[in-house]
Amino acid sequence: MKTLNSLVPVALLMAVGSSALACNPDTGERRQMVFLEAGGDTVEYWEVVPGQLKSVKLPSGASVGVTLTPAGVEKYATDWNKGKYVPELVQIRIFDLSGSAPVEKEMSWGGTNSVQAFGRNSKPGDAGIFGHGGFTLNLLKAVCASREAVAAELVAIHSQ
């Protein structure tokens, strides 16, 4: 069962307009947002600075680092063999921050609007840096509609 803390992301999205959260109304710049959940609660919420390490303390006491970096042209070039369209991707790197320097433990690719789970299959006593039950990254990136694009769509609809 979800706790009240796990509803915080939904409440934030409802209370603050999507343009304030993830879409700059003047430039259309889109922002990558992340909710990290562990133990049924939202532990951390942040706006991503590409490639910058975000330190998070999990309920288990473990400290992990997370970086998200937009995929480069070379990543998309390999995926375009699968079809005309591919999902927008970020590289996700997870670090153990328990020592004097970050140690990379995992690297994966995920959609900019996706749910990514880490360490979900860990058992008590064998949880490693993820803590028992692991954690989830909820990745959100707005799709910004321009006034011009919407106006053109309306004209096209009404001219049919």
Protein backbone atom coordinates (compact mmCIF):
# COMPACT_ATOMS: atom_id res chain seq x y z
CA MET A 1 0.00 0.00 0.00
CA LYS A 2 1.30 3.46 -0.89
CA THR A 3 2.01 5.82 1.98
CA LEU A 4 1.21 9.51 2.03
CA ASN A 5 4.87 10.29 1.19
CA SER A 6 4.58 8.29 -2.02
CA LEU A 7 1.80 10.64 -3.15
CA VAL A 8 4.07 13.70 -2.84
CA PRO A 9 5.16 13.60 -6.53
CA VAL A 10 1.54 13.59 -7.70
CA ALA A 11 0.65 16.42 -5.32
CA LEU A 12 3.64 18.45 -6.49
CA LEU A 13 2.71 18.00 -10.13
CA MET A 14 -0.86 19.05 -9.43
CA ALA A 15 0.06 22.03 -7.24
CA VAL A 16 2.72 23.46 -9.54
CA GLY A 17 1.98 23.95 -13.22
CA SER A 18 3.83 21.66 -15.60
CA SER A 19 5.44 24.68 -17.24
CA ALA A 20 7.00 25.64 -13.91
CA LEU A 21 8.19 22.11 -13.32
CA ALA A 22 9.60 21.03 -16.62
CA CYS A 23 8.91 23.38 -19.53
CA ASN A 24 10.30 26.91 -19.76
CA PRO A 25 7.39 29.01 -21.06
CA ASP A 26 9.70 31.50 -22.81
CA THR A 27 12.21 29.22 -24.50
CA GLY A 28 10.49 25.80 -24.60
CA GLU A 29 13.53 24.31 -22.88
CA ARG A 30 12.59 20.98 -21.33
CA ARG A 31 13.91 19.91 -17.95
CA GLN A 32 14.59 16.37 -16.80
CA MET A 33 13.02 15.74 -13.38
CA VAL A 34 13.52 12.71 -11.09
CA PHE A 35 11.62 11.26 -8.14
CA LEU A 36 13.61 8.64 -6.22
CA GLU A 37 11.44 6.23 -4.22
CA ALA A 38 12.53 3.61 -1.70
CA GLY A 39 10.61 1.69 0.93
CA GLY A 40 7.31 3.01 -0.42
CA ASP A 41 8.24 6.66 0.13
CA THR A 42 9.53 9.47 -2.04
CA VAL A 43 13.06 10.01 -0.75
CA GLU A 44 14.24 12.77 -3.08
CA TYR A 45 12.97 14.92 -5.93
CA TRP A 46 15.28 17.00 -8.15
CA GLU A 47 15.87 18.68 -11.47
CA VAL A 48 18.74 16.97 -13.28
CA VAL A 49 21.90 18.81 -14.23
CA PRO A 50 23.24 16.51 -17.00
CA GLY A 51 26.28 14.55 -15.86
CA GLN A 52 26.24 16.04 -12.33
CA LEU A 53 26.35 13.55 -9.45
CA LYS A 54 23.28 13.71 -7.18
CA SER A 55 23.87 12.27 -3.71
CA VAL A 56 20.92 10.53 -2.05
CA LYS A 57 20.66 8.87 1.37
CA LEU A 58 18.35 5.85 1.19
CA PRO A 59 16.11 4.79 4.11
CA SER A 60 18.49 1.83 4.62
CA GLY A 61 21.24 4.33 5.46
CA ALA A 62 23.12 3.67 2.23
CA SER A 63 24.37 6.67 0.25
CA VAL A 64 24.11 6.40 -3.51
CA GLY A 65 24.99 8.76 -6.30
CA VAL A 66 22.97 9.15 -9.50
CA THR A 67 23.94 10.80 -12.77
CA LEU A 68 21.78 11.17 -15.84
CA THR A 69 23.29 12.21 -19.15
CA PRO A 70 21.35 12.65 -22.40
CA ALA A 71 22.14 10.04 -25.04
CA GLY A 72 24.48 11.16 -27.81
CA VAL A 73 24.08 10.79 -31.54
CA GLU A 74 26.06 7.54 -31.53
CA LYS A 75 23.52 5.86 -29.19
CA TYR A 76 20.59 6.89 -31.38
CA ALA A 77 22.40 5.82 -34.56
CA THR A 78 22.44 2.20 -33.35
CA ASP A 79 18.75 2.32 -32.38
CA TRP A 80 17.55 3.84 -35.68
CA ASN A 81 18.11 0.47 -37.33
CA LYS A 82 14.99 -0.65 -35.43
CA GLY A 83 12.62 1.92 -36.94
CA LYS A 84 11.93 5.52 -37.87
CA TYR A 85 11.36 6.67 -34.27
CA VAL A 86 13.23 5.86 -31.07
CA PRO A 87 12.56 6.92 -27.48
CA GLU A 88 14.51 9.84 -26.04
CA LEU A 89 17.13 8.27 -23.77
CA VAL A 90 19.41 9.10 -20.87
CA GLN A 91 22.40 7.20 -19.57
CA ILE A 92 21.85 6.32 -15.90
CA ARG A 93 24.88 5.71 -13.72
CA ILE A 94 24.60 4.58 -10.08
CA PHE A 95 27.47 5.08 -7.63
CA ASP A 96 28.31 3.77 -4.17
CA LEU A 97 29.18 6.82 -2.04
CA SER A 98 30.19 4.93 1.12
CA GLY A 99 33.93 5.36 0.53
CA SER A 100 36.22 8.32 0.06
CA ALA A 101 35.48 8.45 -3.69
CA PRO A 102 32.37 7.48 -5.70
CA VAL A 103 32.50 3.96 -7.16
CA GLU A 104 30.32 3.23 -10.19
CA LYS A 105 28.17 0.16 -9.58
CA GLU A 106 25.74 0.17 -12.45
CA MET A 107 25.14 1.81 -15.85
CA SER A 108 22.01 1.51 -17.94
CA TRP A 109 19.92 3.38 -20.49
CA GLY A 110 16.38 4.54 -19.81
CA GLY A 111 13.69 6.63 -21.42
CA THR A 112 13.41 10.26 -20.33
CA ASN A 113 9.85 9.39 -19.24
CA SER A 114 10.24 6.01 -17.61
CA VAL A 115 10.45 4.07 -14.36
CA GLN A 116 13.80 2.44 -13.57
CA ALA A 117 14.28 -0.01 -10.68
CA PHE A 118 17.60 -0.81 -9.01
CA GLY A 119 18.32 -3.60 -6.50
CA ARG A 120 14.71 -4.80 -6.28
CA ASN A 121 15.74 -8.44 -5.87
CA SER A 122 18.07 -7.81 -2.92
CA LYS A 123 17.47 -9.79 0.25
CA PRO A 124 18.18 -8.80 3.88
CA GLY A 125 21.89 -9.17 4.60
CA ASP A 126 22.69 -9.11 0.88
CA ALA A 127 21.35 -5.72 -0.08
CA GLY A 128 24.62 -4.07 -1.04
CA ILE A 129 24.52 -0.33 -1.69
CA PHE A 130 20.89 -0.35 -2.79
CA GLY A 131 19.44 -1.26 0.58
CA HIS A 132 16.83 -3.98 1.11
CA GLY A 133 14.19 -3.68 -1.61
CA GLY A 134 16.28 -1.32 -3.71
CA PHE A 135 14.97 1.94 -5.09
CA THR A 136 13.12 3.34 -8.08
CA LEU A 137 13.90 6.33 -10.27
CA ASN A 138 10.83 7.92 -11.84
CA LEU A 139 12.10 9.96 -14.79
CA LEU A 140 9.91 12.77 -16.13
CA LYS A 141 10.61 15.11 -19.03
CA ALA A 142 7.90 17.35 -20.41
CA VAL A 143 6.96 17.58 -24.05
CA CYS A 144 6.53 21.32 -24.65
CA ALA A 145 3.98 22.49 -27.20
CA SER A 146 4.66 25.81 -28.90
CA ARG A 147 1.89 28.29 -29.56
CA GLU A 148 2.75 28.16 -33.28
CA ALA A 149 2.52 24.36 -33.46
CA VAL A 150 -0.83 24.30 -31.68
CA ALA A 151 -2.18 27.11 -33.89
CA ALA A 152 -1.06 25.26 -37.04
CA GLU A 153 -2.77 22.10 -35.79
CA LEU A 154 -6.00 24.00 -35.12
CA VAL A 155 -5.90 25.55 -38.62
CA ALA A 156 -5.36 22.10 -40.14
CA ILE A 157 -8.31 20.64 -38.19
CA HIS A 158 -10.67 23.47 -39.11
CA SER A 159 -9.72 23.47 -42.77
CA GLN A 160 -10.78 19.85 -43.27
